[in-house]
Amino acid sequence: MSLKLYLVSCEFTSGGDYGSFREKRRTLEATEILAQQWALRSRFSAAELKEQLRGYLDERDRITVAEVGEEKASRRAKADLAKL
């Protein structure tokens, strides 16, 4: 099975400590794209990634995980999706 490219977006509502969330993103080798948005390649499904990451978030925080298709474009992003 090949690795799929995903975008993970979060909205942090509690202002809490997200050190463990940052560490989990590092273990998943996520690359920051925009503020509170990361891209990563994984064999997991979007739902599986969401469940893994949500355990590090406050209950009120929001998270979206979406698979990225072949066509992608950005302007002034922190990383180029086309190179991930």
PDB file of N, CA and C in Angstrom:
ATOM      1  N   MET A   1       0.841  -1.182   0.000  1.00  0.00           N
ATOM      2  CA  MET A   1       0.000   0.000   0.000  1.00  0.00           C
ATOM      3  C   MET A   1       0.884   1.243   0.000  1.00  0.00           C
ATOM      4  N   SER A   2       0.579   2.182  -0.868  1.00  0.00           N
ATOM      5  CA  SER A   2       1.389   3.395  -0.956  1.00  0.00           C
ATOM      6  C   SER A   2       0.954   4.411   0.102  1.00  0.00           C
ATOM      7  N   LEU A   3       1.840   5.347   0.371  1.00  0.00           N
ATOM      8  CA  LEU A   3       1.537   6.396   1.337  1.00  0.00           C
ATOM      9  C   LEU A   3       0.647   7.451   0.691  1.00  0.00           C
ATOM     10  N   LYS A   4      -0.395   7.853   1.394  1.00  0.00           N
ATOM     11  CA  LYS A   4      -1.304   8.895   0.920  1.00  0.00           C
ATOM     12  C   LYS A   4      -0.913  10.219   1.569  1.00  0.00           C
ATOM     13  N   LEU A   5      -1.166  11.307   0.864  1.00  0.00           N
ATOM     14  CA  LEU A   5      -0.890  12.643   1.380  1.00  0.00           C
ATOM     15  C   LEU A   5      -2.154  13.192   2.037  1.00  0.00           C
ATOM     16  N   TYR A   6      -2.005  13.676   3.266  1.00  0.00           N
ATOM     17  CA  TYR A   6      -3.134  14.225   4.024  1.00  0.00           C
ATOM     18  C   TYR A   6      -2.837  15.637   4.489  1.00  0.00           C
ATOM     19  N   LEU A   7      -3.886  16.451   4.606  1.00  0.00           N
ATOM     20  CA  LEU A   7      -3.822  17.744   5.267  1.00  0.00           C
ATOM     21  C   LEU A   7      -4.542  17.617   6.594  1.00  0.00           C
ATOM     22  N   VAL A   8      -3.909  18.079   7.639  1.00  0.00           N
ATOM     23  CA  VAL A   8      -4.500  18.090   8.973  1.00  0.00           C
ATOM     24  C   VAL A   8      -4.650  19.547   9.379  1.00  0.00           C
ATOM     25  N   SER A   9      -5.864  19.955   9.708  1.00  0.00           N
ATOM     26  CA  SER A   9      -6.134  21.319  10.151  1.00  0.00           C
ATOM     27  C   SER A   9      -6.763  21.273  11.527  1.00  0.00           C
ATOM     28  N   CYS A  10      -6.345  22.186  12.385  1.00  0.00           N
ATOM     29  CA  CYS A  10      -6.881  22.228  13.752  1.00  0.00           C
ATOM     30  C   CYS A  10      -7.294  23.641  14.112  1.00  0.00           C
ATOM     31  N   GLU A  11      -8.237  23.713  15.013  1.00  0.00           N
ATOM     32  CA  GLU A  11      -8.626  24.964  15.638  1.00  0.00           C
ATOM     33  C   GLU A  11      -8.550  24.722  17.135  1.00  0.00           C
ATOM     34  N   PHE A  12      -7.568  25.359  17.769  1.00  0.00           N
ATOM     35  CA  PHE A  12      -7.357  25.179  19.207  1.00  0.00           C
ATOM     36  C   PHE A  12      -8.195  26.202  19.955  1.00  0.00           C
ATOM     37  N   THR A  13      -9.081  25.732  20.810  1.00  0.00           N
ATOM     38  CA  THR A  13     -10.018  26.626  21.487  1.00  0.00           C
ATOM     39  C   THR A  13      -9.711  26.812  22.965  1.00  0.00           C
ATOM     40  N   SER A  14      -8.908  25.933  23.553  1.00  0.00           N
ATOM     41  CA  SER A  14      -8.730  25.980  25.001  1.00  0.00           C
ATOM     42  C   SER A  14      -7.510  26.768  25.457  1.00  0.00           C
ATOM     43  N   GLY A  15      -6.550  27.012  24.553  1.00  0.00           N
ATOM     44  CA  GLY A  15      -5.341  27.715  24.954  1.00  0.00           C
ATOM     45  C   GLY A  15      -4.456  26.893  25.876  1.00  0.00           C
ATOM     46  N   GLY A  16      -4.663  25.581  25.892  1.00  0.00           N
ATOM     47  CA  GLY A  16      -3.898  24.695  26.765  1.00  0.00           C
ATOM     48  C   GLY A  16      -2.508  24.395  26.241  1.00  0.00           C
ATOM     49  N   ASP A  17      -1.849  23.467  26.893  1.00  0.00           N
ATOM     50  CA  ASP A  17      -0.504  23.037  26.508  1.00  0.00           C
ATOM     51  C   ASP A  17      -0.633  21.931  25.466  1.00  0.00           C
ATOM     52  N   TYR A  18      -0.058  22.157  24.294  1.00  0.00           N
ATOM     53  CA  TYR A  18      -0.174  21.206  23.201  1.00  0.00           C
ATOM     54  C   TYR A  18       1.163  20.537  22.882  1.00  0.00           C
ATOM     55  N   GLY A  19       2.038  20.435  23.881  1.00  0.00           N
ATOM     56  CA  GLY A  19       3.341  19.811  23.679  1.00  0.00           C
ATOM     57  C   GLY A  19       3.237  18.378  23.204  1.00  0.00           C
ATOM     58  N   SER A  20       2.329  17.599  23.762  1.00  0.00           N
ATOM     59  CA  SER A  20       2.178  16.200  23.344  1.00  0.00           C
ATOM     60  C   SER A  20       1.611  16.110  21.928  1.00  0.00           C
ATOM     61  N   PHE A  21       0.759  17.072  21.551  1.00  0.00           N
ATOM     62  CA  PHE A  21       0.236  17.116  20.183  1.00  0.00           C
ATOM     63  C   PHE A  21       1.369  17.414  19.201  1.00  0.00           C
ATOM     64  N   ARG A  22       2.237  18.367  19.553  1.00  0.00           N
ATOM     65  CA  ARG A  22       3.397  18.683  18.705  1.00  0.00           C
ATOM     66  C   ARG A  22       4.304  17.472  18.558  1.00  0.00           C
ATOM     67  N   GLU A  23       4.526  16.747  19.646  1.00  0.00           N
ATOM     68  CA  GLU A  23       5.382  15.556  19.590  1.00  0.00           C
ATOM     69  C   GLU A  23       4.760  14.480  18.692  1.00  0.00           C
ATOM     70  N   LYS A  24       3.465  14.279  18.779  1.00  0.00           N
ATOM     71  CA  LYS A  24       2.789  13.300  17.922  1.00  0.00           C
ATOM     72  C   LYS A  24       2.928  13.695  16.456  1.00  0.00           C
ATOM     73  N   ARG A  25       2.782  14.982  16.149  1.00  0.00           N
ATOM     74  CA  ARG A  25       2.975  15.443  14.771  1.00  0.00           C
ATOM     75  C   ARG A  25       4.393  15.147  14.307  1.00  0.00           C
ATOM     76  N   ARG A  26       5.368  15.340  15.186  1.00  0.00           N
ATOM     77  CA  ARG A  26       6.760  15.040  14.819  1.00  0.00           C
ATOM     78  C   ARG A  26       6.931  13.554  14.517  1.00  0.00           C
ATOM     79  N   THR A  27       6.329  12.690  15.312  1.00  0.00           N
ATOM     80  CA  THR A  27       6.467  11.246  15.068  1.00  0.00           C
ATOM     81  C   THR A  27       5.801  10.844  13.756  1.00  0.00           C
ATOM     82  N   LEU A  28       4.771  11.592  13.347  1.00  0.00           N
ATOM     83  CA  LEU A  28       4.102  11.338  12.068  1.00  0.00           C
ATOM     84  C   LEU A  28       4.809  12.037  10.905  1.00  0.00           C
ATOM     85  N   GLU A  29       5.875  12.780  11.210  1.00  0.00           N
ATOM     86  CA  GLU A  29       6.650  13.532  10.216  1.00  0.00           C
ATOM     87  C   GLU A  29       5.785  14.533   9.454  1.00  0.00           C
ATOM     88  N   ALA A  30       4.911  15.213  10.188  1.00  0.00           N
ATOM     89  CA  ALA A  30       4.037  16.223   9.594  1.00  0.00           C
ATOM     90  C   ALA A  30       4.824  17.497   9.323  1.00  0.00           C
ATOM     91  N   THR A  31       4.537  18.129   8.199  1.00  0.00           N
ATOM     92  CA  THR A  31       5.183  19.372   7.778  1.00  0.00           C
ATOM     93  C   THR A  31       4.177  20.504   7.887  1.00  0.00           C
ATOM     94  N   GLU A  32       4.577  21.594   8.531  1.00  0.00           N
ATOM     95  CA  GLU A  32       3.677  22.735   8.659  1.00  0.00           C
ATOM     96  C   GLU A  32       3.478  23.398   7.299  1.00  0.00           C
ATOM     97  N   ILE A  33       2.222  23.635   6.956  1.00  0.00           N
ATOM     98  CA  ILE A  33       1.858  24.277   5.695  1.00  0.00           C
ATOM     99  C   ILE A  33       1.405  25.714   5.960  1.00  0.00           C
ATOM    100  N   LEU A  34       0.482  25.876   6.881  1.00  0.00           N
ATOM    101  CA  LEU A  34      -0.031  27.168   7.334  1.00  0.00           C
ATOM    102  C   LEU A  34      -0.183  27.096   8.840  1.00  0.00           C
ATOM    103  N   ALA A  35      -0.508  28.213   9.462  1.00  0.00           N
ATOM    104  CA  ALA A  35      -0.755  28.194  10.904  1.00  0.00           C
ATOM    105  C   ALA A  35      -1.855  27.180  11.197  1.00  0.00           C
ATOM    106  N   GLN A  36      -1.569  26.242  12.070  1.00  0.00           N
ATOM    107  CA  GLN A  36      -2.500  25.197  12.493  1.00  0.00           C
ATOM    108  C   GLN A  36      -2.925  24.268  11.356  1.00  0.00           C
ATOM    109  N   GLN A  37      -2.045  24.091  10.357  1.00  0.00           N
ATOM    110  CA  GLN A  37      -2.300  23.139   9.273  1.00  0.00           C
ATOM    111  C   GLN A  37      -0.986  22.455   8.894  1.00  0.00           C
ATOM    112  N   TRP A  38      -1.059  21.135   8.745  1.00  0.00           N
ATOM    113  CA  TRP A  38       0.112  20.319   8.461  1.00  0.00           C
ATOM    114  C   TRP A  38      -0.212  19.319   7.360  1.00  0.00           C
ATOM    115  N   ALA A  39       0.825  18.880   6.656  1.00  0.00           N
ATOM    116  CA  ALA A  39       0.691  17.833   5.653  1.00  0.00           C
ATOM    117  C   ALA A  39       1.566  16.666   6.071  1.00  0.00           C
ATOM    118  N   LEU A  40       1.090  15.468   5.783  1.00  0.00           N
ATOM    119  CA  LEU A  40       1.877  14.283   6.088  1.00  0.00           C
ATOM    120  C   LEU A  40       1.488  13.154   5.161  1.00  0.00           C
ATOM    121  N   ARG A  41       2.410  12.229   4.999  1.00  0.00           N
ATOM    122  CA  ARG A  41       2.145  11.011   4.232  1.00  0.00           C
ATOM    123  C   ARG A  41       1.985   9.869   5.225  1.00  0.00           C
ATOM    124  N   SER A  42       0.994   9.010   4.965  1.00  0.00           N
ATOM    125  CA  SER A  42       0.710   7.925   5.897  1.00  0.00           C
ATOM    126  C   SER A  42      -0.015   6.776   5.207  1.00  0.00           C
ATOM    127  N   ARG A  43       0.115   5.611   5.789  1.00  0.00           N
ATOM    128  CA  ARG A  43      -0.666   4.446   5.360  1.00  0.00           C
ATOM    129  C   ARG A  43      -2.017   4.400   6.071  1.00  0.00           C
ATOM    130  N   PHE A  44      -2.150   5.188   7.153  1.00  0.00           N
ATOM    131  CA  PHE A  44      -3.411   5.244   7.891  1.00  0.00           C
ATOM    132  C   PHE A  44      -4.480   5.944   7.056  1.00  0.00           C
ATOM    133  N   SER A  45      -5.738   5.686   7.351  1.00  0.00           N
ATOM    134  CA  SER A  45      -6.845   6.409   6.725  1.00  0.00           C
ATOM    135  C   SER A  45      -6.999   7.766   7.407  1.00  0.00           C
ATOM    136  N   ALA A  46      -7.774   8.648   6.798  1.00  0.00           N
ATOM    137  CA  ALA A  46      -8.042   9.949   7.401  1.00  0.00           C
ATOM    138  C   ALA A  46      -8.710   9.779   8.764  1.00  0.00           C
ATOM    139  N   ALA A  47      -9.658   8.867   8.869  1.00  0.00           N
ATOM    140  CA  ALA A  47     -10.350   8.631  10.139  1.00  0.00           C
ATOM    141  C   ALA A  47      -9.385   8.114  11.206  1.00  0.00           C
ATOM    142  N   GLU A  48      -8.471   7.224  10.824  1.00  0.00           N
ATOM    143  CA  GLU A  48      -7.491   6.701  11.785  1.00  0.00           C
ATOM    144  C   GLU A  48      -6.541   7.793  12.266  1.00  0.00           C
ATOM    145  N   LEU A  49      -6.102   8.640  11.353  1.00  0.00           N
ATOM    146  CA  LEU A  49      -5.229   9.746  11.755  1.00  0.00           C
ATOM    147  C   LEU A  49      -5.960  10.705  12.683  1.00  0.00           C
ATOM    148  N   LYS A  50      -7.202  11.022  12.348  1.00  0.00           N
ATOM    149  CA  LYS A  50      -7.996  11.913  13.198  1.00  0.00           C
ATOM    150  C   LYS A  50      -8.113  11.356  14.603  1.00  0.00           C
ATOM    151  N   GLU A  51      -8.388  10.065  14.723  1.00  0.00           N
ATOM    152  CA  GLU A  51      -8.520   9.444  16.046  1.00  0.00           C
ATOM    153  C   GLU A  51      -7.198   9.464  16.808  1.00  0.00           C
ATOM    154  N   GLN A  52      -6.087   9.215  16.111  1.00  0.00           N
ATOM    155  CA  GLN A  52      -4.780   9.266  16.767  1.00  0.00           C
ATOM    156  C   GLN A  52      -4.494  10.658  17.313  1.00  0.00           C
ATOM    157  N   LEU A  53      -4.754  11.679  16.524  1.00  0.00           N
ATOM    158  CA  LEU A  53      -4.431  13.044  16.912  1.00  0.00           C
ATOM    159  C   LEU A  53      -5.406  13.631  17.913  1.00  0.00           C
ATOM    160  N   ARG A  54      -6.651  13.249  17.832  1.00  0.00           N
ATOM    161  CA  ARG A  54      -7.651  13.860  18.720  1.00  0.00           C
ATOM    162  C   ARG A  54      -7.412  13.523  20.179  1.00  0.00           C
ATOM    163  N   GLY A  55      -6.710  12.438  20.437  1.00  0.00           N
ATOM    164  CA  GLY A  55      -6.374  12.091  21.814  1.00  0.00           C
ATOM    165  C   GLY A  55      -5.442  13.086  22.478  1.00  0.00           C
ATOM    166  N   TYR A  56      -4.806  13.949  21.688  1.00  0.00           N
ATOM    167  CA  TYR A  56      -3.879  14.957  22.207  1.00  0.00           C
ATOM    168  C   TYR A  56      -4.503  16.351  22.238  1.00  0.00           C
ATOM    169  N   LEU A  57      -5.786  16.435  21.911  1.00  0.00           N
ATOM    170  CA  LEU A  57      -6.488  17.712  21.855  1.00  0.00           C
ATOM    171  C   LEU A  57      -7.497  17.818  22.980  1.00  0.00           C
ATOM    172  N   ASP A  58      -7.870  19.051  23.296  1.00  0.00           N
ATOM    173  CA  ASP A  58      -8.942  19.308  24.241  1.00  0.00           C
ATOM    174  C   ASP A  58     -10.270  18.923  23.577  1.00  0.00           C
ATOM    175  N   GLU A  59     -11.242  18.554  24.360  1.00  0.00           N
ATOM    176  CA  GLU A  59     -12.544  18.123  23.833  1.00  0.00           C
ATOM    177  C   GLU A  59     -13.204  19.197  22.969  1.00  0.00           C
ATOM    178  N   ARG A  60     -12.933  20.480  23.244  1.00  0.00           N
ATOM    179  CA  ARG A  60     -13.547  21.576  22.481  1.00  0.00           C
ATOM    180  C   ARG A  60     -12.781  21.929  21.211  1.00  0.00           C
ATOM    181  N   ASP A  61     -11.551  21.455  21.068  1.00  0.00           N
ATOM    182  CA  ASP A  61     -10.760  21.740  19.877  1.00  0.00           C
ATOM    183  C   ASP A  61     -11.382  21.066  18.658  1.00  0.00           C
ATOM    184  N   ARG A  62     -11.043  21.584  17.484  1.00  0.00           N
ATOM    185  CA  ARG A  62     -11.571  21.037  16.233  1.00  0.00           C
ATOM    186  C   ARG A  62     -10.420  20.492  15.405  1.00  0.00           C
ATOM    187  N   ILE A  63     -10.690  19.426  14.652  1.00  0.00           N
ATOM    188  CA  ILE A  63      -9.676  18.831  13.780  1.00  0.00           C
ATOM    189  C   ILE A  63     -10.331  18.309  12.511  1.00  0.00           C
ATOM    190  N   THR A  64      -9.644  18.492  11.397  1.00  0.00           N
ATOM    191  CA  THR A  64     -10.070  17.954  10.114  1.00  0.00           C
ATOM    192  C   THR A  64      -8.867  17.284   9.473  1.00  0.00           C
ATOM    193  N   VAL A  65      -9.079  16.083   8.941  1.00  0.00           N
ATOM    194  CA  VAL A  65      -8.035  15.372   8.210  1.00  0.00           C
ATOM    195  C   VAL A  65      -8.621  15.032   6.840  1.00  0.00           C
ATOM    196  N   ALA A  66      -7.929  15.451   5.781  1.00  0.00           N
ATOM    197  CA  ALA A  66      -8.431  15.223   4.434  1.00  0.00           C
ATOM    198  C   ALA A  66      -7.308  14.731   3.529  1.00  0.00           C
ATOM    199  N   GLU A  67      -7.615  13.736   2.706  1.00  0.00           N
ATOM    200  CA  GLU A  67      -6.649  13.253   1.728  1.00  0.00           C
ATOM    201  C   GLU A  67      -6.527  14.273   0.604  1.00  0.00           C
ATOM    202  N   VAL A  68      -5.300  14.499   0.148  1.00  0.00           N
ATOM    203  CA  VAL A  68      -5.020  15.439  -0.933  1.00  0.00           C
ATOM    204  C   VAL A  68      -4.871  14.654  -2.228  1.00  0.00           C
ATOM    205  N   GLY A  69      -5.533  15.099  -3.283  1.00  0.00           N
ATOM    206  CA  GLY A  69      -5.446  14.447  -4.581  1.00  0.00           C
ATOM    207  C   GLY A  69      -4.177  14.832  -5.322  1.00  0.00           C
ATOM    208  N   GLU A  70      -4.097  14.401  -6.549  1.00  0.00           N
ATOM    209  CA  GLU A  70      -2.909  14.648  -7.367  1.00  0.00           C
ATOM    210  C   GLU A  70      -2.693  16.130  -7.661  1.00  0.00           C
ATOM    211  N   GLU A  71      -3.764  16.848  -7.905  1.00  0.00           N
ATOM    212  CA  GLU A  71      -3.629  18.254  -8.238  1.00  0.00           C
ATOM    213  C   GLU A  71      -3.626  19.085  -6.971  1.00  0.00           C
ATOM    214  N   LYS A  72      -2.611  19.923  -6.815  1.00  0.00           N
ATOM    215  CA  LYS A  72      -2.513  20.773  -5.636  1.00  0.00           C
ATOM    216  C   LYS A  72      -1.777  22.055  -5.996  1.00  0.00           C
ATOM    217  N   ALA A  73      -2.127  23.132  -5.330  1.00  0.00           N
ATOM    218  CA  ALA A  73      -1.478  24.417  -5.562  1.00  0.00           C
ATOM    219  C   ALA A  73      -1.538  25.226  -4.277  1.00  0.00           C
ATOM    220  N   SER A  74      -0.580  26.115  -4.117  1.00  0.00           N
ATOM    221  CA  SER A  74      -0.578  26.991  -2.952  1.00  0.00           C
ATOM    222  C   SER A  74       0.161  28.270  -3.303  1.00  0.00           C
ATOM    223  N   ARG A  75       0.019  29.243  -2.454  1.00  0.00           N
ATOM    224  CA  ARG A  75       0.742  30.505  -2.606  1.00  0.00           C
ATOM    225  C   ARG A  75       1.274  30.905  -1.251  1.00  0.00           C
ATOM    226  N   ARG A  76       2.555  31.047  -1.156  1.00  0.00           N
ATOM    227  CA  ARG A  76       3.249  31.495   0.045  1.00  0.00           C
ATOM    228  C   ARG A  76       3.045  30.584   1.249  1.00  0.00           C
ATOM    229  N   ALA A  77       2.782  29.326   1.021  1.00  0.00           N
ATOM    230  CA  ALA A  77       2.678  28.364   2.113  1.00  0.00           C
ATOM    231  C   ALA A  77       4.077  28.139   2.693  1.00  0.00           C
ATOM    232  N   LYS A  78       4.134  27.628   3.911  1.00  0.00           N
ATOM    233  CA  LYS A  78       5.419  27.372   4.574  1.00  0.00           C
ATOM    234  C   LYS A  78       6.158  26.204   3.952  1.00  0.00           C
ATOM    235  N   ALA A  79       5.447  25.331   3.258  1.00  0.00           N
ATOM    236  CA  ALA A  79       6.049  24.192   2.540  1.00  0.00           C
ATOM    237  C   ALA A  79       5.251  23.973   1.263  1.00  0.00           C
ATOM    238  N   ASP A  80       5.905  23.445   0.252  1.00  0.00           N
ATOM    239  CA  ASP A  80       5.281  23.201  -1.040  1.00  0.00           C
ATOM    240  C   ASP A  80       4.648  21.803  -1.054  1.00  0.00           C
ATOM    241  N   LEU A  81       3.326  21.750  -1.103  1.00  0.00           N
ATOM    242  CA  LEU A  81       2.632  20.450  -1.129  1.00  0.00           C
ATOM    243  C   LEU A  81       3.078  19.575  -2.292  1.00  0.00           C
ATOM    244  N   ALA A  82       3.396  20.186  -3.401  1.00  0.00           N
ATOM    245  CA  ALA A  82       3.788  19.425  -4.577  1.00  0.00           C
ATOM    246  C   ALA A  82       5.085  18.644  -4.351  1.00  0.00           C
ATOM    247  N   LYS A  83       5.881  19.055  -3.360  1.00  0.00           N
ATOM    248  CA  LYS A  83       7.158  18.381  -3.091  1.00  0.00           C
ATOM    249  C   LYS A  83       7.059  17.374  -1.947  1.00  0.00           C
ATOM    250  N   LEU A  84       5.899  17.232  -1.350  1.00  0.00           N
ATOM    251  CA  LEU A  84       5.740  16.287  -0.227  1.00  0.00           C
ATOM    252  C   LEU A  84       5.297  14.922  -0.720  1.00  0.00           C
TER     253      LEU A  84
END
